[in-house]
């Protein structure tokens, strides 16, 4: 009986550790225009803990300003999350 209990405890510990390190990154397109995709790229990020914002400045305008972009060609978002507890949303703008 003691052997089964120790195996269950070990399995639970491994499962909890795997769950603690689980994360996911997703990319999604937001917008595109007829502008030429240039070499310039700008990013702006916002972070959340339990969906409460820590900082909120991931707008397309902020990303374009950070990259020195005047004519926007594409806008994408990169979403990184760890168990839904911590989320970072990054807006990525390309153009000239």
N, C-alpha and C. Protein backbone atom coordinates (compact mmCIF):
# COMPACT_ATOMS: atom_id res chain seq x y z
N UNK A 1 0.81 -1.19 0.00
CA UNK A 1 0.00 0.00 0.00
C UNK A 1 0.86 1.26 0.00
N UNK A 2 1.97 1.19 0.73
CA UNK A 2 2.87 2.33 0.81
C UNK A 2 3.50 2.62 -0.55
N UNK A 3 3.78 1.56 -1.32
CA UNK A 3 4.38 1.71 -2.64
C UNK A 3 3.44 2.42 -3.60
N UNK A 4 2.17 2.08 -3.57
CA UNK A 4 1.19 2.71 -4.45
C UNK A 4 1.03 4.18 -4.09
N UNK A 5 0.98 4.47 -2.80
CA UNK A 5 0.83 5.86 -2.36
C UNK A 5 2.02 6.70 -2.80
N UNK A 6 3.23 6.15 -2.69
CA UNK A 6 4.41 6.91 -3.10
C UNK A 6 4.43 7.12 -4.61
N UNK A 7 3.95 6.14 -5.37
CA UNK A 7 3.87 6.31 -6.83
C UNK A 7 2.86 7.38 -7.21
N UNK A 8 1.73 7.38 -6.53
CA UNK A 8 0.71 8.41 -6.80
C UNK A 8 1.24 9.79 -6.43
N UNK A 9 1.93 9.89 -5.32
CA UNK A 9 2.51 11.17 -4.91
C UNK A 9 3.56 11.65 -5.91
N UNK A 10 4.39 10.74 -6.39
CA UNK A 10 5.42 11.09 -7.37
C UNK A 10 4.77 11.54 -8.67
N UNK A 11 3.73 10.82 -9.11
CA UNK A 11 3.03 11.21 -10.34
C UNK A 11 2.39 12.58 -10.18
N UNK A 12 1.78 12.83 -9.03
CA UNK A 12 1.16 14.13 -8.78
C UNK A 12 2.19 15.25 -8.78
N UNK A 13 3.35 14.99 -8.22
CA UNK A 13 4.40 16.01 -8.20
C UNK A 13 4.90 16.31 -9.61
N UNK A 14 5.09 15.27 -10.41
CA UNK A 14 5.55 15.46 -11.79
C UNK A 14 4.48 16.19 -12.60
N UNK A 15 3.21 15.84 -12.42
CA UNK A 15 2.13 16.50 -13.14
C UNK A 15 2.03 17.98 -12.75
N UNK A 16 2.16 18.27 -11.47
CA UNK A 16 2.11 19.66 -11.01
C UNK A 16 3.28 20.46 -11.56
N UNK A 17 4.46 19.87 -11.60
CA UNK A 17 5.63 20.55 -12.15
C UNK A 17 5.47 20.81 -13.64
N UNK A 18 4.96 19.84 -14.38
CA UNK A 18 4.72 20.02 -15.82
C UNK A 18 3.70 21.12 -16.06
N UNK A 19 2.65 21.15 -15.27
CA UNK A 19 1.62 22.16 -15.40
C UNK A 19 2.16 23.55 -15.07
N UNK A 20 3.04 23.62 -14.10
CA UNK A 20 3.62 24.90 -13.70
C UNK A 20 4.48 25.52 -14.79
N UNK A 21 5.10 24.69 -15.61
CA UNK A 21 5.96 25.19 -16.67
C UNK A 21 5.27 25.23 -18.03
N UNK A 22 3.98 24.96 -18.08
CA UNK A 22 3.25 24.97 -19.35
C UNK A 22 3.03 26.42 -19.79
N UNK A 23 3.29 26.68 -21.05
CA UNK A 23 3.03 27.99 -21.61
C UNK A 23 2.71 27.84 -23.09
N UNK A 24 2.21 28.91 -23.67
CA UNK A 24 1.81 28.86 -25.07
C UNK A 24 2.04 30.23 -25.69
N UNK A 25 2.51 30.24 -26.92
CA UNK A 25 2.65 31.48 -27.69
C UNK A 25 1.86 31.33 -28.98
N UNK A 26 1.03 32.32 -29.27
CA UNK A 26 0.17 32.30 -30.45
C UNK A 26 0.39 33.59 -31.23
N UNK A 27 0.44 33.48 -32.54
CA UNK A 27 0.50 34.64 -33.42
C UNK A 27 -0.82 34.74 -34.17
N UNK A 28 -1.31 35.98 -34.37
CA UNK A 28 -2.52 36.14 -35.16
C UNK A 28 -2.41 37.44 -35.97
N UNK A 29 -2.85 37.39 -37.22
CA UNK A 29 -2.85 38.61 -38.03
C UNK A 29 -4.00 39.52 -37.59
N UNK A 30 -3.75 40.81 -37.57
CA UNK A 30 -4.77 41.77 -37.16
C UNK A 30 -5.23 42.59 -38.36
N UNK A 31 -4.28 43.09 -39.15
CA UNK A 31 -4.63 43.94 -40.28
C UNK A 31 -3.51 43.91 -41.33
N UNK A 32 -3.90 44.23 -42.55
CA UNK A 32 -2.93 44.37 -43.65
C UNK A 32 -3.43 45.49 -44.55
N UNK A 33 -2.49 46.15 -45.19
CA UNK A 33 -2.86 47.21 -46.13
C UNK A 33 -2.13 46.98 -47.44
N UNK A 34 -2.33 47.89 -48.36
CA UNK A 34 -1.66 47.76 -49.65
C UNK A 34 -0.24 48.31 -49.60
N UNK A 35 0.19 48.74 -48.43
CA UNK A 35 1.55 49.27 -48.28
C UNK A 35 2.59 48.18 -48.47
N UNK A 36 3.78 48.61 -48.84
CA UNK A 36 4.89 47.70 -49.06
C UNK A 36 5.47 47.28 -47.70
N UNK A 37 5.66 45.96 -47.54
CA UNK A 37 6.28 45.48 -46.31
C UNK A 37 7.76 45.84 -46.37
N UNK A 38 8.16 46.76 -45.53
CA UNK A 38 9.54 47.23 -45.54
C UNK A 38 10.39 46.50 -44.53
N UNK A 39 11.55 47.07 -44.30
CA UNK A 39 12.50 46.48 -43.36
C UNK A 39 12.24 46.94 -41.93
N UNK A 40 11.40 47.93 -41.76
CA UNK A 40 11.15 48.45 -40.41
C UNK A 40 10.12 47.60 -39.68
N UNK A 41 10.37 47.45 -38.38
CA UNK A 41 9.46 46.67 -37.55
C UNK A 41 9.39 47.33 -36.18
N UNK A 42 8.18 47.51 -35.69
CA UNK A 42 7.99 48.10 -34.37
C UNK A 42 7.13 47.20 -33.50
N UNK A 43 7.40 47.22 -32.21
CA UNK A 43 6.64 46.39 -31.27
C UNK A 43 6.21 47.22 -30.07
N UNK A 44 5.06 46.86 -29.52
CA UNK A 44 4.56 47.45 -28.28
C UNK A 44 3.87 46.33 -27.51
N UNK A 45 4.07 46.28 -26.19
CA UNK A 45 3.57 45.16 -25.39
C UNK A 45 2.73 45.62 -24.21
N UNK A 46 1.85 44.73 -23.79
CA UNK A 46 1.06 44.91 -22.57
C UNK A 46 1.10 43.60 -21.80
N UNK A 47 1.17 43.69 -20.47
CA UNK A 47 1.22 42.49 -19.62
C UNK A 47 0.02 42.45 -18.70
N UNK A 48 -0.43 41.24 -18.41
CA UNK A 48 -1.59 41.04 -17.55
C UNK A 48 -1.30 39.91 -16.57
N UNK A 49 -1.78 40.05 -15.35
CA UNK A 49 -1.78 38.96 -14.37
C UNK A 49 -3.24 38.75 -13.99
N UNK A 50 -3.70 37.53 -14.21
CA UNK A 50 -5.11 37.18 -13.98
C UNK A 50 -6.04 38.18 -14.68
N UNK A 51 -5.69 38.56 -15.89
CA UNK A 51 -6.46 39.46 -16.75
C UNK A 51 -6.53 40.89 -16.23
N UNK A 52 -5.78 41.21 -15.19
CA UNK A 52 -5.68 42.59 -14.73
C UNK A 52 -4.43 43.20 -15.35
N UNK A 53 -4.56 44.36 -15.99
CA UNK A 53 -3.41 44.94 -16.69
C UNK A 53 -2.34 45.46 -15.75
N UNK A 54 -1.10 45.15 -16.09
CA UNK A 54 0.04 45.73 -15.39
C UNK A 54 0.48 46.99 -16.11
N UNK A 55 0.54 46.91 -17.42
CA UNK A 55 0.80 48.07 -18.27
C UNK A 55 0.03 47.86 -19.57
N UNK A 56 -0.55 48.90 -20.08
CA UNK A 56 -1.35 48.79 -21.29
C UNK A 56 -0.89 49.79 -22.31
N UNK A 57 0.02 49.38 -23.15
CA UNK A 57 0.44 50.25 -24.23
C UNK A 57 0.88 49.39 -25.40
N UNK A 58 -0.03 48.59 -25.90
CA UNK A 58 0.30 47.74 -27.03
C UNK A 58 -0.52 48.14 -28.27
N UNK A 59 -0.74 49.44 -28.44
CA UNK A 59 -1.51 49.91 -29.58
C UNK A 59 -0.69 49.87 -30.86
N UNK A 60 -1.39 49.87 -31.99
CA UNK A 60 -0.72 49.89 -33.29
C UNK A 60 0.07 51.18 -33.45
N UNK A 61 -0.46 52.28 -32.97
CA UNK A 61 0.22 53.57 -33.07
C UNK A 61 1.53 53.55 -32.29
N UNK A 62 1.50 53.01 -31.08
CA UNK A 62 2.71 52.93 -30.27
C UNK A 62 3.76 52.04 -30.93
N UNK A 63 3.32 50.90 -31.49
CA UNK A 63 4.25 50.00 -32.17
C UNK A 63 4.87 50.67 -33.40
N UNK A 64 4.04 51.39 -34.16
CA UNK A 64 4.55 52.10 -35.34
C UNK A 64 5.54 53.18 -34.93
N UNK A 65 5.24 53.93 -33.90
CA UNK A 65 6.17 54.95 -33.41
C UNK A 65 7.48 54.35 -32.93
N UNK A 66 7.40 53.21 -32.24
CA UNK A 66 8.61 52.54 -31.74
C UNK A 66 9.51 52.06 -32.88
N UNK A 67 8.91 51.74 -34.03
CA UNK A 67 9.70 51.29 -35.17
C UNK A 67 10.02 52.38 -36.17
N UNK A 68 9.55 53.60 -35.93
CA UNK A 68 9.78 54.70 -36.87
C UNK A 68 9.04 54.48 -38.18
N UNK A 69 7.87 53.91 -38.12
CA UNK A 69 7.10 53.55 -39.32
C UNK A 69 6.06 54.63 -39.60
N UNK A 70 6.05 55.10 -40.84
CA UNK A 70 5.06 56.11 -41.27
C UNK A 70 3.93 55.47 -42.07
N UNK A 71 4.26 54.45 -42.89
CA UNK A 71 3.27 53.75 -43.70
C UNK A 71 3.19 52.29 -43.24
N UNK A 72 2.09 51.94 -42.59
CA UNK A 72 1.92 50.60 -42.02
C UNK A 72 1.50 49.63 -43.12
N UNK A 73 2.17 48.46 -43.16
CA UNK A 73 1.83 47.41 -44.12
C UNK A 73 1.07 46.27 -43.45
N UNK A 74 1.59 45.75 -42.34
CA UNK A 74 0.93 44.65 -41.64
C UNK A 74 0.94 44.89 -40.14
N UNK A 75 -0.06 44.32 -39.49
CA UNK A 75 -0.15 44.37 -38.03
C UNK A 75 -0.47 42.96 -37.55
N UNK A 76 0.35 42.46 -36.65
CA UNK A 76 0.15 41.13 -36.07
C UNK A 76 0.18 41.26 -34.56
N UNK A 77 -0.36 40.24 -33.89
CA UNK A 77 -0.27 40.18 -32.43
C UNK A 77 0.35 38.86 -32.03
N UNK A 78 1.23 38.94 -31.06
CA UNK A 78 1.85 37.76 -30.46
C UNK A 78 1.33 37.68 -29.03
N UNK A 79 0.71 36.56 -28.69
CA UNK A 79 0.12 36.39 -27.37
C UNK A 79 0.83 35.25 -26.67
N UNK A 80 1.46 35.56 -25.55
CA UNK A 80 2.17 34.57 -24.74
C UNK A 80 1.45 34.45 -23.41
N UNK A 81 1.13 33.23 -23.02
CA UNK A 81 0.42 33.03 -21.77
C UNK A 81 0.98 31.83 -21.01
N UNK A 82 0.95 31.94 -19.70
CA UNK A 82 1.35 30.84 -18.83
C UNK A 82 0.13 30.51 -17.97
N UNK A 83 -0.54 29.44 -18.31
CA UNK A 83 -1.70 28.94 -17.57
C UNK A 83 -2.80 29.97 -17.37
N UNK A 84 -2.85 30.98 -18.19
CA UNK A 84 -3.84 32.02 -18.02
C UNK A 84 -3.58 32.93 -16.83
N UNK A 85 -2.51 32.66 -16.10
CA UNK A 85 -2.17 33.49 -14.95
C UNK A 85 -1.41 34.74 -15.37
N UNK A 86 -0.49 34.57 -16.30
CA UNK A 86 0.30 35.69 -16.83
C UNK A 86 0.14 35.70 -18.34
N UNK A 87 -0.17 36.85 -18.89
CA UNK A 87 -0.33 36.99 -20.34
C UNK A 87 0.42 38.24 -20.80
N UNK A 88 1.13 38.11 -21.92
CA UNK A 88 1.80 39.25 -22.53
C UNK A 88 1.33 39.33 -23.98
N UNK A 89 0.75 40.47 -24.35
CA UNK A 89 0.28 40.69 -25.72
C UNK A 89 1.19 41.72 -26.37
N UNK A 90 1.80 41.32 -27.47
CA UNK A 90 2.72 42.20 -28.20
C UNK A 90 2.15 42.49 -29.58
N UNK A 91 2.00 43.77 -29.91
CA UNK A 91 1.56 44.18 -31.24
C UNK A 91 2.81 44.44 -32.08
N UNK A 92 2.85 43.82 -33.27
CA UNK A 92 4.00 43.92 -34.17
C UNK A 92 3.54 44.58 -35.45
N UNK A 93 4.17 45.70 -35.81
CA UNK A 93 3.83 46.48 -36.99
C UNK A 93 5.03 46.48 -37.93
N UNK A 94 4.78 46.24 -39.22
CA UNK A 94 5.83 46.35 -40.24
C UNK A 94 5.43 47.38 -41.28
N UNK A 95 6.39 47.94 -41.95
CA UNK A 95 6.13 48.94 -42.99
C UNK A 95 7.34 49.78 -43.26
N UNK A 96 7.09 50.96 -43.83
CA UNK A 96 8.15 51.91 -44.17
C UNK A 96 7.99 53.19 -43.38
